[in-house]
Amino acid sequence: MTADTTRSHLRTGARGEDLAARYLESRGLVVLGRNWRCPEGELDLIATDRHRLIVCEVKTRTGTNFGHPAEAVTDEKANRIRRLSRRWRTAHDVGWCEERFDIISIIWRPGEAPRIQHFKGAF
């Protein structure tokens, strides 16, 4: 992968996460965190509907040549996100709370409007 390709992927991902955050907020959720990192990995979006913590993995692609974006969330990745959620709660002094793990899939072809799919409770 070239440096230009890597930068393009990062820009696509960042645009998708921006769009996903606005999408959640437009549905009444409050975004508590974005791109939270620790040594084990990163959480894309952490939000709340004022009743539970909602951890969203955002997958943005310019097409489906390599499958649907949501298919990139493997069981291994889902387990890592669950572990990271516990770390986030500890770091932010949030005790046990109800959680939901969502995937926001975005297909954003060049020159077209993005297509968003929100898979609530995906894993």
N, C-alpha and C. Protein backbone atom coordinates (compact mmCIF):
# COMPACT_ATOMS: atom_id res chain seq x y z
N MET A 1 0.85 -1.17 0.00
CA MET A 1 0.00 0.00 0.00
C MET A 1 0.90 1.24 0.00
N THR A 2 0.64 2.17 -0.89
CA THR A 2 1.46 3.37 -0.98
C THR A 2 1.04 4.39 0.07
N ALA A 3 1.89 5.38 0.27
CA ALA A 3 1.58 6.45 1.24
C ALA A 3 0.32 7.20 0.81
N ASP A 4 0.17 7.45 -0.50
CA ASP A 4 -1.04 8.15 -0.98
C ASP A 4 -2.29 7.33 -0.72
N THR A 5 -2.21 6.02 -0.92
CA THR A 5 -3.36 5.14 -0.68
C THR A 5 -3.71 5.14 0.81
N THR A 6 -2.69 5.07 1.65
CA THR A 6 -2.92 5.09 3.10
C THR A 6 -3.60 6.38 3.51
N ARG A 7 -3.10 7.53 3.02
CA ARG A 7 -3.72 8.82 3.36
C ARG A 7 -5.16 8.88 2.88
N SER A 8 -5.42 8.33 1.70
CA SER A 8 -6.79 8.31 1.17
C SER A 8 -7.71 7.49 2.06
N HIS A 9 -7.24 6.32 2.52
CA HIS A 9 -8.03 5.49 3.42
C HIS A 9 -8.31 6.21 4.74
N LEU A 10 -7.29 6.89 5.27
CA LEU A 10 -7.47 7.62 6.52
C LEU A 10 -8.48 8.75 6.35
N ARG A 11 -8.40 9.47 5.23
CA ARG A 11 -9.37 10.56 4.98
C ARG A 11 -10.79 9.99 4.84
N THR A 12 -10.93 8.88 4.13
CA THR A 12 -12.25 8.26 3.99
C THR A 12 -12.78 7.84 5.35
N GLY A 13 -11.94 7.24 6.17
CA GLY A 13 -12.35 6.82 7.51
C GLY A 13 -12.75 7.99 8.38
N ALA A 14 -11.97 9.06 8.35
CA ALA A 14 -12.27 10.25 9.16
C ALA A 14 -13.58 10.90 8.70
N ARG A 15 -13.77 10.98 7.41
CA ARG A 15 -15.04 11.54 6.89
C ARG A 15 -16.22 10.68 7.33
N GLY A 16 -16.05 9.38 7.28
CA GLY A 16 -17.11 8.47 7.71
C GLY A 16 -17.42 8.61 9.18
N GLU A 17 -16.40 8.75 10.01
CA GLU A 17 -16.63 8.91 11.45
C GLU A 17 -17.31 10.24 11.75
N ASP A 18 -16.94 11.29 11.03
CA ASP A 18 -17.63 12.58 11.19
C ASP A 18 -19.10 12.44 10.85
N LEU A 19 -19.37 11.79 9.72
CA LEU A 19 -20.75 11.59 9.28
C LEU A 19 -21.52 10.73 10.28
N ALA A 20 -20.89 9.66 10.78
CA ALA A 20 -21.55 8.78 11.74
C ALA A 20 -21.88 9.52 13.04
N ALA A 21 -20.98 10.38 13.50
CA ALA A 21 -21.24 11.15 14.72
C ALA A 21 -22.43 12.07 14.52
N ARG A 22 -22.47 12.76 13.38
CA ARG A 22 -23.63 13.64 13.09
C ARG A 22 -24.92 12.83 12.97
N TYR A 23 -24.83 11.66 12.36
CA TYR A 23 -25.98 10.77 12.22
C TYR A 23 -26.53 10.40 13.59
N LEU A 24 -25.66 9.98 14.51
CA LEU A 24 -26.11 9.61 15.85
C LEU A 24 -26.74 10.81 16.57
N GLU A 25 -26.08 11.95 16.48
CA GLU A 25 -26.61 13.15 17.13
C GLU A 25 -27.97 13.55 16.56
N SER A 26 -28.16 13.35 15.26
CA SER A 26 -29.45 13.69 14.64
C SER A 26 -30.56 12.77 15.12
N ARG A 27 -30.19 11.65 15.72
CA ARG A 27 -31.16 10.71 16.27
C ARG A 27 -31.26 10.81 17.79
N GLY A 28 -30.74 11.90 18.33
CA GLY A 28 -30.91 12.19 19.75
C GLY A 28 -29.84 11.62 20.67
N LEU A 29 -28.85 10.96 20.13
CA LEU A 29 -27.78 10.43 20.98
C LEU A 29 -26.77 11.53 21.29
N VAL A 30 -26.07 11.37 22.38
CA VAL A 30 -25.00 12.29 22.77
C VAL A 30 -23.68 11.55 22.58
N VAL A 31 -22.81 12.11 21.76
CA VAL A 31 -21.51 11.50 21.53
C VAL A 31 -20.59 11.90 22.69
N LEU A 32 -20.10 10.91 23.40
CA LEU A 32 -19.25 11.13 24.57
C LEU A 32 -17.77 11.10 24.21
N GLY A 33 -17.43 10.39 23.16
CA GLY A 33 -16.03 10.27 22.79
C GLY A 33 -15.87 9.81 21.36
N ARG A 34 -14.72 10.19 20.80
CA ARG A 34 -14.38 9.79 19.43
C ARG A 34 -12.92 9.38 19.40
N ASN A 35 -12.65 8.30 18.71
CA ASN A 35 -11.28 7.83 18.51
C ASN A 35 -10.51 7.70 19.82
N TRP A 36 -11.17 7.10 20.81
CA TRP A 36 -10.50 6.90 22.10
C TRP A 36 -9.49 5.77 21.95
N ARG A 37 -8.26 6.05 22.37
CA ARG A 37 -7.18 5.07 22.20
C ARG A 37 -6.58 4.66 23.54
N CYS A 38 -6.14 3.41 23.54
CA CYS A 38 -5.33 2.88 24.63
C CYS A 38 -4.37 1.89 23.98
N PRO A 39 -3.45 1.32 24.74
CA PRO A 39 -2.46 0.42 24.12
C PRO A 39 -3.08 -0.76 23.36
N GLU A 40 -4.27 -1.17 23.75
CA GLU A 40 -4.90 -2.35 23.11
C GLU A 40 -5.64 -2.02 21.82
N GLY A 41 -5.96 -0.75 21.60
CA GLY A 41 -6.69 -0.41 20.38
C GLY A 41 -7.44 0.90 20.50
N GLU A 42 -8.49 1.02 19.68
CA GLU A 42 -9.23 2.27 19.57
C GLU A 42 -10.73 2.01 19.46
N LEU A 43 -11.51 2.87 20.10
CA LEU A 43 -12.96 2.88 19.91
C LEU A 43 -13.30 4.07 19.03
N ASP A 44 -14.11 3.83 17.99
CA ASP A 44 -14.44 4.89 17.05
C ASP A 44 -15.35 5.94 17.69
N LEU A 45 -16.53 5.50 18.15
CA LEU A 45 -17.50 6.42 18.74
C LEU A 45 -18.09 5.81 20.00
N ILE A 46 -18.20 6.62 21.02
CA ILE A 46 -18.87 6.23 22.26
C ILE A 46 -19.99 7.23 22.46
N ALA A 47 -21.20 6.74 22.62
CA ALA A 47 -22.36 7.62 22.73
C ALA A 47 -23.29 7.11 23.82
N THR A 48 -24.31 7.89 24.09
CA THR A 48 -25.35 7.45 25.02
C THR A 48 -26.70 7.94 24.53
N ASP A 49 -27.70 7.12 24.83
CA ASP A 49 -29.09 7.53 24.60
C ASP A 49 -29.73 7.93 25.93
N ARG A 50 -28.88 8.18 26.91
CA ARG A 50 -29.23 8.56 28.29
C ARG A 50 -29.73 7.38 29.12
N HIS A 51 -29.73 6.20 28.53
CA HIS A 51 -30.13 4.99 29.26
C HIS A 51 -29.02 3.95 29.24
N ARG A 52 -28.18 4.00 28.22
CA ARG A 52 -27.12 3.00 28.08
C ARG A 52 -25.95 3.61 27.31
N LEU A 53 -24.82 2.95 27.42
CA LEU A 53 -23.64 3.31 26.67
C LEU A 53 -23.72 2.60 25.33
N ILE A 54 -23.46 3.33 24.26
CA ILE A 54 -23.51 2.76 22.92
C ILE A 54 -22.14 2.93 22.28
N VAL A 55 -21.50 1.81 22.00
CA VAL A 55 -20.18 1.82 21.39
C VAL A 55 -20.36 1.48 19.92
N CYS A 56 -19.92 2.39 19.06
CA CYS A 56 -20.12 2.21 17.62
C CYS A 56 -18.81 2.02 16.89
N GLU A 57 -18.74 0.96 16.14
CA GLU A 57 -17.62 0.74 15.23
C GLU A 57 -18.08 1.26 13.87
N VAL A 58 -17.30 2.16 13.29
CA VAL A 58 -17.66 2.78 12.02
C VAL A 58 -16.78 2.19 10.93
N LYS A 59 -17.41 1.71 9.88
CA LYS A 59 -16.69 1.17 8.74
C LYS A 59 -17.15 1.91 7.50
N THR A 60 -16.21 2.59 6.85
CA THR A 60 -16.51 3.38 5.66
C THR A 60 -15.72 2.83 4.49
N ARG A 61 -16.39 2.63 3.39
CA ARG A 61 -15.74 2.14 2.17
C ARG A 61 -16.25 2.95 0.98
N THR A 62 -15.47 2.97 -0.08
CA THR A 62 -15.90 3.65 -1.30
C THR A 62 -16.63 2.69 -2.23
N GLY A 63 -16.72 1.45 -1.87
CA GLY A 63 -17.42 0.46 -2.67
C GLY A 63 -17.49 -0.86 -1.92
N THR A 64 -17.98 -1.86 -2.61
CA THR A 64 -18.14 -3.17 -1.98
C THR A 64 -17.27 -4.24 -2.63
N ASN A 65 -16.22 -3.81 -3.33
CA ASN A 65 -15.33 -4.78 -3.99
C ASN A 65 -14.74 -5.79 -3.02
N PHE A 66 -14.55 -5.38 -1.78
CA PHE A 66 -13.97 -6.27 -0.77
C PHE A 66 -15.02 -6.68 0.25
N GLY A 67 -16.29 -6.65 -0.13
CA GLY A 67 -17.38 -7.02 0.77
C GLY A 67 -18.04 -5.81 1.39
N HIS A 68 -19.11 -6.08 2.09
CA HIS A 68 -19.86 -5.02 2.79
C HIS A 68 -19.01 -4.51 3.95
N PRO A 69 -19.01 -3.22 4.21
CA PRO A 69 -18.17 -2.69 5.29
C PRO A 69 -18.38 -3.38 6.64
N ALA A 70 -19.61 -3.70 6.98
CA ALA A 70 -19.89 -4.32 8.29
C ALA A 70 -19.24 -5.69 8.43
N GLU A 71 -18.97 -6.36 7.30
CA GLU A 71 -18.34 -7.67 7.35
C GLU A 71 -16.90 -7.61 7.87
N ALA A 72 -16.33 -6.42 7.93
CA ALA A 72 -14.97 -6.25 8.43
C ALA A 72 -14.90 -6.38 9.95
N VAL A 73 -16.06 -6.38 10.61
CA VAL A 73 -16.08 -6.54 12.06
C VAL A 73 -16.19 -8.03 12.37
N THR A 74 -15.04 -8.63 12.55
CA THR A 74 -14.95 -10.06 12.83
C THR A 74 -15.26 -10.32 14.30
N ASP A 75 -15.42 -11.59 14.66
CA ASP A 75 -15.61 -11.94 16.07
C ASP A 75 -14.44 -11.45 16.92
N GLU A 76 -13.24 -11.59 16.39
CA GLU A 76 -12.04 -11.13 17.13
C GLU A 76 -12.11 -9.62 17.37
N LYS A 77 -12.49 -8.87 16.35
CA LYS A 77 -12.60 -7.41 16.50
C LYS A 77 -13.71 -7.06 17.49
N ALA A 78 -14.84 -7.74 17.42
CA ALA A 78 -15.94 -7.48 18.34
C ALA A 78 -15.51 -7.74 19.78
N ASN A 79 -14.77 -8.82 20.01
CA ASN A 79 -14.28 -9.11 21.36
C ASN A 79 -13.32 -8.02 21.84
N ARG A 80 -12.46 -7.54 20.95
CA ARG A 80 -11.53 -6.46 21.32
C ARG A 80 -12.30 -5.19 21.68
N ILE A 81 -13.34 -4.88 20.93
CA ILE A 81 -14.15 -3.69 21.21
C ILE A 81 -14.82 -3.82 22.57
N ARG A 82 -15.30 -5.00 22.90
CA ARG A 82 -15.89 -5.21 24.24
C ARG A 82 -14.87 -4.95 25.34
N ARG A 83 -13.65 -5.48 25.16
CA ARG A 83 -12.58 -5.24 26.15
C ARG A 83 -12.25 -3.76 26.25
N LEU A 84 -12.17 -3.10 25.10
CA LEU A 84 -11.85 -1.67 25.09
C LEU A 84 -12.94 -0.86 25.78
N SER A 85 -14.18 -1.29 25.63
CA SER A 85 -15.28 -0.60 26.29
C SER A 85 -15.11 -0.64 27.80
N ARG A 86 -14.71 -1.80 28.32
CA ARG A 86 -14.45 -1.89 29.77
C ARG A 86 -13.32 -0.94 30.16
N ARG A 87 -12.28 -0.87 29.36
CA ARG A 87 -11.17 0.05 29.65
C ARG A 87 -11.65 1.51 29.62
N TRP A 88 -12.50 1.84 28.62
CA TRP A 88 -13.03 3.21 28.54
C TRP A 88 -13.82 3.56 29.79
N ARG A 89 -14.68 2.62 30.22
CA ARG A 89 -15.48 2.88 31.42
C ARG A 89 -14.59 3.10 32.63
N THR A 90 -13.55 2.29 32.76
CA THR A 90 -12.62 2.46 33.88
C THR A 90 -11.91 3.81 33.78
N ALA A 91 -11.41 4.17 32.61
CA ALA A 91 -10.69 5.43 32.43
C ALA A 91 -11.58 6.64 32.69
N HIS A 92 -12.89 6.49 32.47
CA HIS A 92 -13.82 7.61 32.64
C HIS A 92 -14.67 7.46 33.90
N ASP A 93 -14.26 6.54 34.77
CA ASP A 93 -14.93 6.31 36.05
C ASP A 93 -16.43 6.05 35.89
N VAL A 94 -16.74 5.22 34.92
CA VAL A 94 -18.13 4.81 34.68
C VAL A 94 -18.23 3.36 35.11
N GLY A 95 -19.01 3.11 36.13
CA GLY A 95 -19.19 1.75 36.61
C GLY A 95 -20.00 0.92 35.62
N TRP A 96 -20.50 -0.19 36.11
CA TRP A 96 -21.30 -1.03 35.24
C TRP A 96 -22.47 -0.21 34.70
N CYS A 97 -22.78 -0.41 33.46
CA CYS A 97 -23.96 0.19 32.85
C CYS A 97 -24.37 -0.70 31.69
N GLU A 98 -25.61 -0.56 31.31
CA GLU A 98 -26.07 -1.30 30.14
C GLU A 98 -25.30 -0.79 28.93
N GLU A 99 -24.92 -1.71 28.05
CA GLU A 99 -24.17 -1.35 26.85
C GLU A 99 -24.84 -1.95 25.62
N ARG A 100 -24.59 -1.28 24.52
CA ARG A 100 -25.00 -1.82 23.22
C ARG A 100 -23.84 -1.59 22.27
N PHE A 101 -23.58 -2.57 21.44
CA PHE A 101 -22.48 -2.49 20.48
C PHE A 101 -23.06 -2.45 19.08
N ASP A 102 -22.83 -1.34 18.40
CA ASP A 102 -23.40 -1.09 17.08
C ASP A 102 -22.31 -1.03 16.02
N ILE A 103 -22.72 -1.23 14.79
CA ILE A 103 -21.86 -1.00 13.63
C ILE A 103 -22.57 0.03 12.76
N ILE A 104 -21.84 1.04 12.36
CA ILE A 104 -22.35 1.98 11.37
C ILE A 104 -21.53 1.76 10.11
N SER A 105 -22.22 1.33 9.08
CA SER A 105 -21.61 1.00 7.81
C SER A 105 -21.92 2.13 6.82
N ILE A 106 -20.88 2.63 6.19
CA ILE A 106 -21.07 3.72 5.23
C ILE A 106 -20.40 3.34 3.92
N ILE A 107 -21.18 3.42 2.86
CA ILE A 107 -20.63 3.27 1.51
C ILE A 107 -20.72 4.66 0.88
N TRP A 108 -19.56 5.20 0.56
CA TRP A 108 -19.47 6.59 0.08
C TRP A 108 -18.66 6.60 -1.21
N ARG A 109 -19.36 6.33 -2.29
CA ARG A 109 -18.70 6.30 -3.59
C ARG A 109 -18.37 7.73 -4.02
N PRO A 110 -17.23 7.92 -4.67
CA PRO A 110 -16.87 9.27 -5.12
C PRO A 110 -17.97 9.89 -5.98
N GLY A 111 -18.33 11.11 -5.66
CA GLY A 111 -19.34 11.84 -6.42
C GLY A 111 -20.77 11.48 -6.06
N GLU A 112 -20.98 10.58 -5.10
CA GLU A 112 -22.32 10.18 -4.71
C GLU A 112 -22.57 10.51 -3.25
N ALA A 113 -23.85 10.55 -2.90
CA ALA A 113 -24.22 10.74 -1.50
C ALA A 113 -23.89 9.46 -0.72
N PRO A 114 -23.47 9.59 0.51
CA PRO A 114 -23.15 8.39 1.30
C PRO A 114 -24.40 7.60 1.65
N ARG A 115 -24.24 6.28 1.73
CA ARG A 115 -25.33 5.40 2.18
C ARG A 115 -24.94 4.85 3.55
N ILE A 116 -25.78 5.14 4.53
CA ILE A 116 -25.50 4.76 5.91
C ILE A 116 -26.44 3.64 6.31
N GLN A 117 -25.88 2.63 6.95
CA GLN A 117 -26.67 1.58 7.58
C GLN A 117 -26.23 1.49 9.03
N HIS A 118 -27.19 1.47 9.93
CA HIS A 118 -26.91 1.42 11.35
C HIS A 118 -27.41 0.08 11.88
N PHE A 119 -26.49 -0.75 12.30
CA PHE A 119 -26.80 -2.06 12.84
C PHE A 119 -26.75 -1.98 14.36
N LYS A 120 -27.89 -1.82 14.98
CA LYS A 120 -27.97 -1.71 16.44
C LYS A 120 -27.82 -3.08 17.08
N GLY A 121 -27.03 -3.13 18.14
CA GLY A 121 -26.83 -4.41 18.83
C GLY A 121 -26.22 -5.46 17.91
N ALA A 122 -25.27 -5.05 17.10
CA ALA A 122 -24.69 -5.94 16.09
C ALA A 122 -23.87 -7.08 16.68
N PHE A 123 -23.34 -6.85 17.88
CA PHE A 123 -22.54 -7.91 18.52
C PHE A 123 -22.55 -7.74 20.01
